[in-house]
Amino acid sequence: MQKDPSVNVLGAPLQPCSVNPLTGFFRDGACNTCEQDAGSHTVCAVMNAEFLAYSKYVGNDLTTPRPEFGFAGVQPGDRWCLCAARFRQAFDEGCAPGVVLEATHRNALAVVPLHMLQACALEQ
């Protein structure tokens, strides 16, 4: 799999999202993506309890550890490369998490308008 260019939504080099927990489609700590990333794991989101409960409610439990997959679970305050469509859905429902624009891949813009990401932007 070949990564798409590592560029963020601001047009600058993509910054790391998280290495603890290790995130990203490539599990490289960044929200890099490629053609095979059907979920577009491109939004660097800062988890909060409200979003994690919402995500579990809509069928994506990010908090329960899955040791068989090397997944310890995500906690409030953790950064995580979130699927762009899930971010958009949460935004539309009023419970989107914070976003680190510098670590959000530009391919997220195919699903989420920049103004929505900016509305949830946090300082890096």
Protein backbone atom coordinates (compact mmCIF):
# COMPACT_ATOMS: atom_id res chain seq x y z
CA MET A 1 0.00 0.00 0.00
CA GLN A 2 1.33 3.39 -0.96
CA LYS A 3 0.54 6.34 1.30
CA ASP A 4 -1.05 9.43 -0.15
CA PRO A 5 1.12 12.55 0.31
CA SER A 6 1.31 13.47 4.02
CA VAL A 7 -0.31 16.91 3.85
CA ASN A 8 -2.71 18.37 6.41
CA VAL A 9 -5.93 20.34 5.89
CA LEU A 10 -3.94 23.58 6.14
CA GLY A 11 -1.67 22.59 3.23
CA ALA A 12 1.38 22.00 5.42
CA PRO A 13 3.22 18.76 6.28
CA LEU A 14 1.03 16.35 8.27
CA GLN A 15 2.00 16.34 11.95
CA PRO A 16 1.84 13.26 14.21
CA CYS A 17 -1.46 12.54 15.93
CA SER A 18 -0.58 9.97 18.62
CA VAL A 19 1.88 7.22 19.40
CA ASN A 20 0.25 6.43 22.76
CA PRO A 21 -2.17 5.04 21.89
CA LEU A 22 -0.65 4.22 18.52
CA THR A 23 -3.12 5.38 15.90
CA GLY A 24 -3.63 5.71 12.18
CA PHE A 25 -4.59 3.39 9.35
CA PHE A 26 -0.91 2.48 9.04
CA ARG A 27 -0.41 2.48 12.84
CA ASP A 28 2.39 4.97 12.31
CA GLY A 29 1.08 7.60 14.74
CA ALA A 30 -0.21 9.86 11.96
CA CYS A 31 -3.52 10.13 10.12
CA ASN A 32 -1.92 9.00 6.87
CA THR A 33 -4.19 7.36 4.33
CA CYS A 34 -4.22 5.54 1.03
CA GLU A 35 -6.64 4.18 -1.54
CA GLN A 36 -7.20 1.04 0.58
CA ASP A 37 -8.28 3.09 3.64
CA ALA A 38 -12.02 2.72 2.99
CA GLY A 39 -12.85 4.41 6.31
CA SER A 40 -10.67 7.44 5.64
CA HIS A 41 -9.01 7.46 9.09
CA THR A 42 -7.91 11.05 8.52
CA VAL A 43 -9.25 13.27 11.33
CA CYS A 44 -6.93 13.67 14.32
CA ALA A 45 -9.52 13.87 17.08
CA VAL A 46 -9.05 14.44 20.80
CA MET A 47 -11.40 12.05 22.51
CA ASN A 48 -13.87 13.14 25.15
CA ALA A 49 -16.39 11.12 27.17
CA GLU A 50 -19.38 12.44 25.23
CA PHE A 51 -17.97 11.43 21.84
CA LEU A 52 -16.77 8.04 23.09
CA ALA A 53 -20.26 7.27 24.43
CA TYR A 54 -21.78 8.42 21.14
CA SER A 55 -19.38 6.29 19.10
CA LYS A 56 -20.22 3.23 21.19
CA TYR A 57 -23.94 3.96 20.81
CA VAL A 58 -23.67 4.04 17.01
CA GLY A 59 -21.71 0.79 16.91
CA ASN A 60 -18.02 1.65 17.18
CA ASP A 61 -16.83 0.92 20.72
CA LEU A 62 -13.43 2.57 21.02
CA THR A 63 -13.14 2.23 24.81
CA THR A 64 -13.20 -1.53 25.34
CA PRO A 65 -9.73 -3.09 25.23
CA ARG A 66 -9.25 -5.77 22.56
CA PRO A 67 -5.95 -7.42 23.53
CA GLU A 68 -6.29 -9.97 20.73
CA PHE A 69 -5.79 -7.03 18.33
CA GLY A 70 -3.22 -5.23 20.48
CA PHE A 71 -5.82 -2.54 21.26
CA ALA A 72 -5.88 -1.14 24.81
CA GLY A 73 -8.94 1.06 24.25
CA VAL A 74 -9.16 4.81 23.85
CA GLN A 75 -9.77 7.12 26.82
CA PRO A 76 -10.86 10.76 27.14
CA GLY A 77 -7.90 12.99 26.32
CA ASP A 78 -6.35 10.50 23.91
CA ARG A 79 -5.78 11.51 20.31
CA TRP A 80 -7.09 9.12 17.67
CA CYS A 81 -7.26 9.07 13.87
CA LEU A 82 -10.99 9.05 13.43
CA CYS A 83 -12.90 8.11 10.29
CA ALA A 84 -13.94 11.29 8.50
CA ALA A 85 -17.53 10.09 8.08
CA ARG A 86 -17.85 9.34 11.82
CA PHE A 87 -16.56 12.83 12.63
CA ARG A 88 -19.08 14.34 10.21
CA GLN A 89 -21.89 12.26 11.72
CA ALA A 90 -20.93 13.32 15.25
CA PHE A 91 -20.66 16.95 14.17
CA ASP A 92 -24.15 16.80 12.68
CA GLU A 93 -25.41 15.28 15.96
CA GLY A 94 -23.71 17.99 18.07
CA CYS A 95 -21.14 15.78 19.78
CA ALA A 96 -18.00 16.01 17.66
CA PRO A 97 -14.67 15.73 19.46
CA GLY A 98 -11.93 18.32 19.28
CA VAL A 99 -9.67 18.29 16.22
CA VAL A 100 -5.96 18.92 15.71
CA LEU A 101 -5.91 20.55 12.27
CA GLU A 102 -2.13 20.21 11.85
CA ALA A 103 -2.48 16.43 12.26
CA THR A 104 -5.66 16.00 10.16
CA HIS A 105 -4.99 14.70 6.65
CA ARG A 106 -6.23 16.82 3.75
CA ASN A 107 -8.19 13.84 2.38
CA ALA A 108 -10.65 14.39 5.24
CA LEU A 109 -11.89 17.39 3.23
CA ALA A 110 -13.55 15.00 0.77
CA VAL A 111 -16.03 14.19 3.56
CA VAL A 112 -15.84 17.05 6.06
CA PRO A 113 -15.82 20.73 5.04
CA LEU A 114 -12.94 22.73 6.49
CA HIS A 115 -15.32 25.04 8.39
CA MET A 116 -16.61 22.05 10.40
CA LEU A 117 -13.09 20.98 11.31
CA GLN A 118 -12.19 24.56 12.22
CA ALA A 119 -15.26 24.81 14.45
CA CYS A 120 -13.82 21.98 16.57
CA ALA A 121 -10.14 22.94 16.28
CA LEU A 122 -7.89 22.74 19.32
CA GLU A 123 -4.39 24.08 19.78
CA GLN A 124 -1.74 21.47 19.07
